[in-house]
Amino acid sequence: MAYVISEPCIGTKDASCTEVCPVDCIHPTPDEPGFDTAEQLFIDPDECIDCDACVEACPVDAIFAEDQVPDEWRSFIERNAAHYRT
């Protein structure tokens, strides 16, 4: 099971989570192309090792374990996965 970034990240993109991720599975990072135009950050579900570091680092509480995403933000599970299929 992966972690998922949800709605509170939209427009915020604090990127604290990218700094603590031990496997660099959160993108785009501030130094990558597309960071400025991305609406939010995304966690690669295939690369995420479920370490929980990003959850603690997120200042807007936007990151949840996949099975704990609030109902109103369940669409973000697919949104994160789809970002890495393109």
PDB file of N, CA and C in Angstrom:
ATOM      1  N   MET A   1       0.839  -1.177   0.000  1.00  0.00           N
ATOM      2  CA  MET A   1       0.000   0.000   0.000  1.00  0.00           C
ATOM      3  C   MET A   1       0.886   1.244   0.000  1.00  0.00           C
ATOM      4  N   ALA A   2       0.504   2.202  -0.788  1.00  0.00           N
ATOM      5  CA  ALA A   2       1.276   3.438  -0.906  1.00  0.00           C
ATOM      6  C   ALA A   2       0.592   4.563  -0.144  1.00  0.00           C
ATOM      7  N   TYR A   3       1.306   5.641  -0.026  1.00  0.00           N
ATOM      8  CA  TYR A   3       0.731   6.858   0.524  1.00  0.00           C
ATOM      9  C   TYR A   3       0.228   7.703  -0.638  1.00  0.00           C
ATOM     10  N   VAL A   4      -0.720   8.589  -0.336  1.00  0.00           N
ATOM     11  CA  VAL A   4      -1.402   9.382  -1.355  1.00  0.00           C
ATOM     12  C   VAL A   4      -1.413  10.843  -0.919  1.00  0.00           C
ATOM     13  N   ILE A   5      -1.121  11.725  -1.857  1.00  0.00           N
ATOM     14  CA  ILE A   5      -1.217  13.156  -1.587  1.00  0.00           C
ATOM     15  C   ILE A   5      -2.588  13.620  -2.063  1.00  0.00           C
ATOM     16  N   SER A   6      -3.293  14.342  -1.204  1.00  0.00           N
ATOM     17  CA  SER A   6      -4.668  14.727  -1.504  1.00  0.00           C
ATOM     18  C   SER A   6      -4.842  16.249  -1.600  1.00  0.00           C
ATOM     19  N   GLU A   7      -6.092  16.668  -1.617  1.00  0.00           N
ATOM     20  CA  GLU A   7      -6.466  18.047  -1.928  1.00  0.00           C
ATOM     21  C   GLU A   7      -5.730  19.163  -1.183  1.00  0.00           C
ATOM     22  N   PRO A   8      -5.437  19.034   0.106  1.00  0.00           N
ATOM     23  CA  PRO A   8      -4.771  20.160   0.778  1.00  0.00           C
ATOM     24  C   PRO A   8      -3.435  20.571   0.143  1.00  0.00           C
ATOM     25  N   CYS A   9      -2.842  19.705  -0.667  1.00  0.00           N
ATOM     26  CA  CYS A   9      -1.585  20.044  -1.336  1.00  0.00           C
ATOM     27  C   CYS A   9      -1.794  21.008  -2.500  1.00  0.00           C
ATOM     28  N   ILE A  10      -2.987  20.981  -3.067  1.00  0.00           N
ATOM     29  CA  ILE A  10      -3.251  21.810  -4.245  1.00  0.00           C
ATOM     30  C   ILE A  10      -3.005  23.274  -3.912  1.00  0.00           C
ATOM     31  N   GLY A  11      -2.134  23.863  -4.705  1.00  0.00           N
ATOM     32  CA  GLY A  11      -1.800  25.264  -4.527  1.00  0.00           C
ATOM     33  C   GLY A  11      -0.760  25.529  -3.448  1.00  0.00           C
ATOM     34  N   THR A  12      -0.492  24.548  -2.608  1.00  0.00           N
ATOM     35  CA  THR A  12       0.475  24.724  -1.521  1.00  0.00           C
ATOM     36  C   THR A  12       1.846  24.231  -1.943  1.00  0.00           C
ATOM     37  N   LYS A  13       1.923  22.967  -2.333  1.00  0.00           N
ATOM     38  CA  LYS A  13       3.172  22.334  -2.781  1.00  0.00           C
ATOM     39  C   LYS A  13       4.363  22.726  -1.911  1.00  0.00           C
ATOM     40  N   ASP A  14       4.230  22.543  -0.625  1.00  0.00           N
ATOM     41  CA  ASP A  14       5.288  22.917   0.319  1.00  0.00           C
ATOM     42  C   ASP A  14       6.610  22.212   0.026  1.00  0.00           C
ATOM     43  N   ALA A  15       6.569  20.986  -0.424  1.00  0.00           N
ATOM     44  CA  ALA A  15       7.736  20.187  -0.814  1.00  0.00           C
ATOM     45  C   ALA A  15       8.591  19.695   0.350  1.00  0.00           C
ATOM     46  N   SER A  16       8.156  19.899   1.570  1.00  0.00           N
ATOM     47  CA  SER A  16       8.875  19.319   2.712  1.00  0.00           C
ATOM     48  C   SER A  16       8.914  17.802   2.589  1.00  0.00           C
ATOM     49  N   CYS A  17       7.871  17.240   2.028  1.00  0.00           N
ATOM     50  CA  CYS A  17       7.797  15.787   1.866  1.00  0.00           C
ATOM     51  C   CYS A  17       8.881  15.269   0.923  1.00  0.00           C
ATOM     52  N   THR A  18       9.214  16.039  -0.093  1.00  0.00           N
ATOM     53  CA  THR A  18      10.232  15.582  -1.047  1.00  0.00           C
ATOM     54  C   THR A  18      11.608  15.520  -0.401  1.00  0.00           C
ATOM     55  N   GLU A  19      11.827  16.360   0.584  1.00  0.00           N
ATOM     56  CA  GLU A  19      13.125  16.405   1.256  1.00  0.00           C
ATOM     57  C   GLU A  19      13.352  15.220   2.183  1.00  0.00           C
ATOM     58  N   VAL A  20      12.278  14.637   2.717  1.00  0.00           N
ATOM     59  CA  VAL A  20      12.430  13.536   3.673  1.00  0.00           C
ATOM     60  C   VAL A  20      12.224  12.156   3.061  1.00  0.00           C
ATOM     61  N   CYS A  21      11.744  12.087   1.844  1.00  0.00           N
ATOM     62  CA  CYS A  21      11.473  10.789   1.208  1.00  0.00           C
ATOM     63  C   CYS A  21      12.782  10.056   0.914  1.00  0.00           C
ATOM     64  N   PRO A  22      12.973   8.872   1.516  1.00  0.00           N
ATOM     65  CA  PRO A  22      14.237   8.157   1.325  1.00  0.00           C
ATOM     66  C   PRO A  22      14.393   7.501  -0.046  1.00  0.00           C
ATOM     67  N   VAL A  23      13.296   7.377  -0.798  1.00  0.00           N
ATOM     68  CA  VAL A  23      13.380   6.732  -2.112  1.00  0.00           C
ATOM     69  C   VAL A  23      13.032   7.685  -3.252  1.00  0.00           C
ATOM     70  N   ASP A  24      12.907   8.958  -2.951  1.00  0.00           N
ATOM     71  CA  ASP A  24      12.622   9.983  -3.968  1.00  0.00           C
ATOM     72  C   ASP A  24      11.437   9.621  -4.858  1.00  0.00           C
ATOM     73  N   CYS A  25      10.314   9.262  -4.229  1.00  0.00           N
ATOM     74  CA  CYS A  25       9.141   8.876  -5.022  1.00  0.00           C
ATOM     75  C   CYS A  25       8.082   9.972  -5.093  1.00  0.00           C
ATOM     76  N   ILE A  26       8.400  11.180  -4.611  1.00  0.00           N
ATOM     77  CA  ILE A  26       7.446  12.289  -4.643  1.00  0.00           C
ATOM     78  C   ILE A  26       7.940  13.321  -5.647  1.00  0.00           C
ATOM     79  N   HIS A  27       7.051  13.633  -6.606  1.00  0.00           N
ATOM     80  CA  HIS A  27       7.429  14.537  -7.691  1.00  0.00           C
ATOM     81  C   HIS A  27       6.256  15.429  -8.069  1.00  0.00           C
ATOM     82  N   PRO A  28       6.483  16.515  -8.749  1.00  0.00           N
ATOM     83  CA  PRO A  28       7.794  17.066  -9.065  1.00  0.00           C
ATOM     84  C   PRO A  28       8.411  17.747  -7.849  1.00  0.00           C
ATOM     85  N   THR A  29       9.708  17.685  -7.776  1.00  0.00           N
ATOM     86  CA  THR A  29      10.432  18.390  -6.724  1.00  0.00           C
ATOM     87  C   THR A  29      10.664  19.824  -7.189  1.00  0.00           C
ATOM     88  N   PRO A  30      10.985  20.721  -6.282  1.00  0.00           N
ATOM     89  CA  PRO A  30      11.179  22.124  -6.677  1.00  0.00           C
ATOM     90  C   PRO A  30      12.255  22.337  -7.737  1.00  0.00           C
ATOM     91  N   ASP A  31      13.207  21.436  -7.862  1.00  0.00           N
ATOM     92  CA  ASP A  31      14.270  21.610  -8.856  1.00  0.00           C
ATOM     93  C   ASP A  31      14.002  20.854 -10.160  1.00  0.00           C
ATOM     94  N   GLU A  32      12.814  20.271 -10.310  1.00  0.00           N
ATOM     95  CA  GLU A  32      12.466  19.547 -11.529  1.00  0.00           C
ATOM     96  C   GLU A  32      11.610  20.402 -12.456  1.00  0.00           C
ATOM     97  N   PRO A  33      11.713  20.138 -13.744  1.00  0.00           N
ATOM     98  CA  PRO A  33      10.818  20.830 -14.677  1.00  0.00           C
ATOM     99  C   PRO A  33       9.367  20.471 -14.342  1.00  0.00           C
ATOM    100  N   GLY A  34       8.502  21.417 -14.468  1.00  0.00           N
ATOM    101  CA  GLY A  34       7.093  21.171 -14.222  1.00  0.00           C
ATOM    102  C   GLY A  34       6.628  21.484 -12.811  1.00  0.00           C
ATOM    103  N   PHE A  35       7.556  21.756 -11.910  1.00  0.00           N
ATOM    104  CA  PHE A  35       7.142  22.059 -10.535  1.00  0.00           C
ATOM    105  C   PHE A  35       6.241  23.292 -10.494  1.00  0.00           C
ATOM    106  N   ASP A  36       6.627  24.334 -11.199  1.00  0.00           N
ATOM    107  CA  ASP A  36       5.863  25.582 -11.156  1.00  0.00           C
ATOM    108  C   ASP A  36       4.462  25.440 -11.741  1.00  0.00           C
ATOM    109  N   THR A  37       4.293  24.568 -12.708  1.00  0.00           N
ATOM    110  CA  THR A  37       2.987  24.415 -13.346  1.00  0.00           C
ATOM    111  C   THR A  37       2.148  23.295 -12.743  1.00  0.00           C
ATOM    112  N   ALA A  38       2.744  22.427 -11.965  1.00  0.00           N
ATOM    113  CA  ALA A  38       1.981  21.335 -11.337  1.00  0.00           C
ATOM    114  C   ALA A  38       1.040  21.902 -10.287  1.00  0.00           C
ATOM    115  N   GLU A  39      -0.154  21.357 -10.252  1.00  0.00           N
ATOM    116  CA  GLU A  39      -1.152  21.809  -9.290  1.00  0.00           C
ATOM    117  C   GLU A  39      -0.841  21.279  -7.880  1.00  0.00           C
ATOM    118  N   GLN A  40      -0.228  20.099  -7.835  1.00  0.00           N
ATOM    119  CA  GLN A  40       0.091  19.459  -6.567  1.00  0.00           C
ATOM    120  C   GLN A  40       1.280  18.530  -6.761  1.00  0.00           C
ATOM    121  N   LEU A  41       1.732  17.907  -5.679  1.00  0.00           N
ATOM    122  CA  LEU A  41       2.783  16.900  -5.752  1.00  0.00           C
ATOM    123  C   LEU A  41       2.129  15.533  -5.780  1.00  0.00           C
ATOM    124  N   PHE A  42       2.885  14.533  -6.237  1.00  0.00           N
ATOM    125  CA  PHE A  42       2.345  13.186  -6.388  1.00  0.00           C
ATOM    126  C   PHE A  42       3.321  12.151  -5.856  1.00  0.00           C
ATOM    127  N   ILE A  43       2.790  11.074  -5.281  1.00  0.00           N
ATOM    128  CA  ILE A  43       3.601   9.964  -4.792  1.00  0.00           C
ATOM    129  C   ILE A  43       3.456   8.799  -5.758  1.00  0.00           C
ATOM    130  N   ASP A  44       4.586   8.273  -6.217  1.00  0.00           N
ATOM    131  CA  ASP A  44       4.580   7.120  -7.117  1.00  0.00           C
ATOM    132  C   ASP A  44       4.217   5.880  -6.296  1.00  0.00           C
ATOM    133  N   PRO A  45       3.060   5.268  -6.566  1.00  0.00           N
ATOM    134  CA  PRO A  45       2.631   4.127  -5.759  1.00  0.00           C
ATOM    135  C   PRO A  45       3.514   2.895  -5.917  1.00  0.00           C
ATOM    136  N   ASP A  46       4.230   2.795  -7.021  1.00  0.00           N
ATOM    137  CA  ASP A  46       5.108   1.646  -7.235  1.00  0.00           C
ATOM    138  C   ASP A  46       6.450   1.802  -6.538  1.00  0.00           C
ATOM    139  N   GLU A  47       6.843   3.031  -6.240  1.00  0.00           N
ATOM    140  CA  GLU A  47       8.124   3.298  -5.604  1.00  0.00           C
ATOM    141  C   GLU A  47       8.013   3.525  -4.096  1.00  0.00           C
ATOM    142  N   CYS A  48       6.852   3.929  -3.629  1.00  0.00           N
ATOM    143  CA  CYS A  48       6.645   4.242  -2.216  1.00  0.00           C
ATOM    144  C   CYS A  48       6.898   3.002  -1.351  1.00  0.00           C
ATOM    145  N   ILE A  49       7.675   3.189  -0.284  1.00  0.00           N
ATOM    146  CA  ILE A  49       7.991   2.070   0.611  1.00  0.00           C
ATOM    147  C   ILE A  49       7.225   2.167   1.934  1.00  0.00           C
ATOM    148  N   ASP A  50       6.233   3.008   1.998  1.00  0.00           N
ATOM    149  CA  ASP A  50       5.368   3.131   3.169  1.00  0.00           C
ATOM    150  C   ASP A  50       6.122   3.473   4.447  1.00  0.00           C
ATOM    151  N   CYS A  51       7.087   4.347   4.351  1.00  0.00           N
ATOM    152  CA  CYS A  51       7.909   4.666   5.521  1.00  0.00           C
ATOM    153  C   CYS A  51       7.257   5.677   6.455  1.00  0.00           C
ATOM    154  N   ASP A  52       6.263   6.436   5.955  1.00  0.00           N
ATOM    155  CA  ASP A  52       5.533   7.394   6.774  1.00  0.00           C
ATOM    156  C   ASP A  52       6.259   8.729   6.968  1.00  0.00           C
ATOM    157  N   ALA A  53       7.459   8.882   6.450  1.00  0.00           N
ATOM    158  CA  ALA A  53       8.221  10.117   6.661  1.00  0.00           C
ATOM    159  C   ALA A  53       7.511  11.330   6.071  1.00  0.00           C
ATOM    160  N   CYS A  54       6.892  11.171   4.927  1.00  0.00           N
ATOM    161  CA  CYS A  54       6.224  12.285   4.265  1.00  0.00           C
ATOM    162  C   CYS A  54       5.015  12.779   5.049  1.00  0.00           C
ATOM    163  N   VAL A  55       4.328  11.872   5.711  1.00  0.00           N
ATOM    164  CA  VAL A  55       3.136  12.243   6.475  1.00  0.00           C
ATOM    165  C   VAL A  55       3.497  13.248   7.555  1.00  0.00           C
ATOM    166  N   GLU A  56       4.543  12.963   8.289  1.00  0.00           N
ATOM    167  CA  GLU A  56       4.980  13.851   9.368  1.00  0.00           C
ATOM    168  C   GLU A  56       5.516  15.181   8.844  1.00  0.00           C
ATOM    169  N   ALA A  57       6.091  15.175   7.655  1.00  0.00           N
ATOM    170  CA  ALA A  57       6.690  16.383   7.094  1.00  0.00           C
ATOM    171  C   ALA A  57       5.674  17.339   6.470  1.00  0.00           C
ATOM    172  N   CYS A  58       4.523  16.842   6.100  1.00  0.00           N
ATOM    173  CA  CYS A  58       3.531  17.665   5.391  1.00  0.00           C
ATOM    174  C   CYS A  58       2.870  18.671   6.340  1.00  0.00           C
ATOM    175  N   PRO A  59       3.061  19.969   6.092  1.00  0.00           N
ATOM    176  CA  PRO A  59       2.498  20.985   6.987  1.00  0.00           C
ATOM    177  C   PRO A  59       0.994  21.206   6.825  1.00  0.00           C
ATOM    178  N   VAL A  60       0.404  20.648   5.751  1.00  0.00           N
ATOM    179  CA  VAL A  60      -1.030  20.850   5.520  1.00  0.00           C
ATOM    180  C   VAL A  60      -1.839  19.559   5.652  1.00  0.00           C
ATOM    181  N   ASP A  61      -1.207  18.513   6.170  1.00  0.00           N
ATOM    182  CA  ASP A  61      -1.887  17.228   6.389  1.00  0.00           C
ATOM    183  C   ASP A  61      -2.591  16.719   5.135  1.00  0.00           C
ATOM    184  N   ALA A  62      -1.855  16.693   4.046  1.00  0.00           N
ATOM    185  CA  ALA A  62      -2.411  16.257   2.770  1.00  0.00           C
ATOM    186  C   ALA A  62      -2.085  14.805   2.431  1.00  0.00           C
ATOM    187  N   ILE A  63      -1.253  14.138   3.230  1.00  0.00           N
ATOM    188  CA  ILE A  63      -0.773  12.809   2.876  1.00  0.00           C
ATOM    189  C   ILE A  63      -1.369  11.758   3.801  1.00  0.00           C
ATOM    190  N   PHE A  64      -1.904  10.702   3.167  1.00  0.00           N
ATOM    191  CA  PHE A  64      -2.565   9.624   3.899  1.00  0.00           C
ATOM    192  C   PHE A  64      -2.137   8.276   3.340  1.00  0.00           C
ATOM    193  N   ALA A  65      -2.172   7.258   4.202  1.00  0.00           N
ATOM    194  CA  ALA A  65      -2.036   5.897   3.705  1.00  0.00           C
ATOM    195  C   ALA A  65      -3.237   5.656   2.797  1.00  0.00           C
ATOM    196  N   GLU A  66      -3.042   4.877   1.762  1.00  0.00           N
ATOM    197  CA  GLU A  66      -4.096   4.663   0.771  1.00  0.00           C
ATOM    198  C   GLU A  66      -5.417   4.221   1.406  1.00  0.00           C
ATOM    199  N   ASP A  67      -5.363   3.379   2.400  1.00  0.00           N
ATOM    200  CA  ASP A  67      -6.598   2.892   3.020  1.00  0.00           C
ATOM    201  C   ASP A  67      -7.166   3.854   4.070  1.00  0.00           C
ATOM    202  N   GLN A  68      -6.541   5.010   4.238  1.00  0.00           N
ATOM    203  CA  GLN A  68      -7.027   5.994   5.205  1.00  0.00           C
ATOM    204  C   GLN A  68      -7.369   7.340   4.571  1.00  0.00           C
ATOM    205  N   VAL A  69      -7.372   7.396   3.248  1.00  0.00           N
ATOM    206  CA  VAL A  69      -7.734   8.631   2.562  1.00  0.00           C
ATOM    207  C   VAL A  69      -9.205   8.934   2.864  1.00  0.00           C
ATOM    208  N   PRO A  70      -9.506  10.144   3.325  1.00  0.00           N
ATOM    209  CA  PRO A  70     -10.909  10.495   3.590  1.00  0.00           C
ATOM    210  C   PRO A  70     -11.771  10.305   2.340  1.00  0.00           C
ATOM    211  N   ASP A  71     -13.017   9.923   2.558  1.00  0.00           N
ATOM    212  CA  ASP A  71     -13.929   9.634   1.451  1.00  0.00           C
ATOM    213  C   ASP A  71     -13.982  10.740   0.408  1.00  0.00           C
ATOM    214  N   GLU A  72     -13.992  11.987   0.852  1.00  0.00           N
ATOM    215  CA  GLU A  72     -14.123  13.098  -0.098  1.00  0.00           C
ATOM    216  C   GLU A  72     -12.887  13.263  -0.979  1.00  0.00           C
ATOM    217  N   TRP A  73     -11.793  12.614  -0.620  1.00  0.00           N
ATOM    218  CA  TRP A  73     -10.562  12.727  -1.405  1.00  0.00           C
ATOM    219  C   TRP A  73     -10.121  11.396  -2.011  1.00  0.00           C
ATOM    220  N   ARG A  74     -10.992  10.403  -2.050  1.00  0.00           N
ATOM    221  CA  ARG A  74     -10.646   9.078  -2.576  1.00  0.00           C
ATOM    222  C   ARG A  74     -10.180   9.150  -4.033  1.00  0.00           C
ATOM    223  N   SER A  75     -10.656  10.114  -4.789  1.00  0.00           N
ATOM    224  CA  SER A  75     -10.260  10.244  -6.201  1.00  0.00           C
ATOM    225  C   SER A  75      -8.765  10.531  -6.335  1.00  0.00           C
ATOM    226  N   PHE A  76      -8.135  11.014  -5.278  1.00  0.00           N
ATOM    227  CA  PHE A  76      -6.712  11.324  -5.328  1.00  0.00           C
ATOM    228  C   PHE A  76      -5.845  10.062  -5.363  1.00  0.00           C
ATOM    229  N   ILE A  77      -6.396   8.928  -4.985  1.00  0.00           N
ATOM    230  CA  ILE A  77      -5.648   7.663  -5.097  1.00  0.00           C
ATOM    231  C   ILE A  77      -5.337   7.408  -6.565  1.00  0.00           C
ATOM    232  N   GLU A  78      -6.353   7.494  -7.396  1.00  0.00           N
ATOM    233  CA  GLU A  78      -6.163   7.288  -8.834  1.00  0.00           C
ATOM    234  C   GLU A  78      -5.379   8.446  -9.453  1.00  0.00           C
ATOM    235  N   ARG A  79      -5.622   9.639  -8.973  1.00  0.00           N
ATOM    236  CA  ARG A  79      -4.927  10.816  -9.511  1.00  0.00           C
ATOM    237  C   ARG A  79      -3.409  10.690  -9.330  1.00  0.00           C
ATOM    238  N   ASN A  80      -2.958  10.217  -8.161  1.00  0.00           N
ATOM    239  CA  ASN A  80      -1.527  10.016  -7.927  1.00  0.00           C
ATOM    240  C   ASN A  80      -0.988   8.928  -8.844  1.00  0.00           C
ATOM    241  N   ALA A  81      -1.695   7.815  -8.938  1.00  0.00           N
ATOM    242  CA  ALA A  81      -1.239   6.706  -9.786  1.00  0.00           C
ATOM    243  C   ALA A  81      -1.205   7.119 -11.256  1.00  0.00           C
ATOM    244  N   ALA A  82      -2.232   7.833 -11.707  1.00  0.00           N
ATOM    245  CA  ALA A  82      -2.305   8.245 -13.106  1.00  0.00           C
ATOM    246  C   ALA A  82      -1.170   9.182 -13.488  1.00  0.00           C
ATOM    247  N   HIS A  83      -0.728   9.988 -12.559  1.00  0.00           N
ATOM    248  CA  HIS A  83       0.379  10.908 -12.840  1.00  0.00           C
ATOM    249  C   HIS A  83       1.619  10.152 -13.310  1.00  0.00           C
ATOM    250  N   TYR A  84       1.826   8.952 -12.807  1.00  0.00           N
ATOM    251  CA  TYR A  84       3.010   8.175 -13.159  1.00  0.00           C
ATOM    252  C   TYR A  84       2.796   7.259 -14.347  1.00  0.00           C
ATOM    253  N   ARG A  85       1.566   7.145 -14.825  1.00  0.00           N
ATOM    254  CA  ARG A  85       1.316   6.358 -16.034  1.00  0.00           C
ATOM    255  C   ARG A  85       1.496   7.168 -17.292  1.00  0.00           C
ATOM    256  N   THR A  86       1.574   8.494 -17.159  1.00  0.00           N
ATOM    257  CA  THR A  86       1.686   9.332 -18.366  1.00  0.00           C
ATOM    258  C   THR A  86       3.115   9.533 -18.777  1.00  0.00           C
TER     259      THR A  86
END
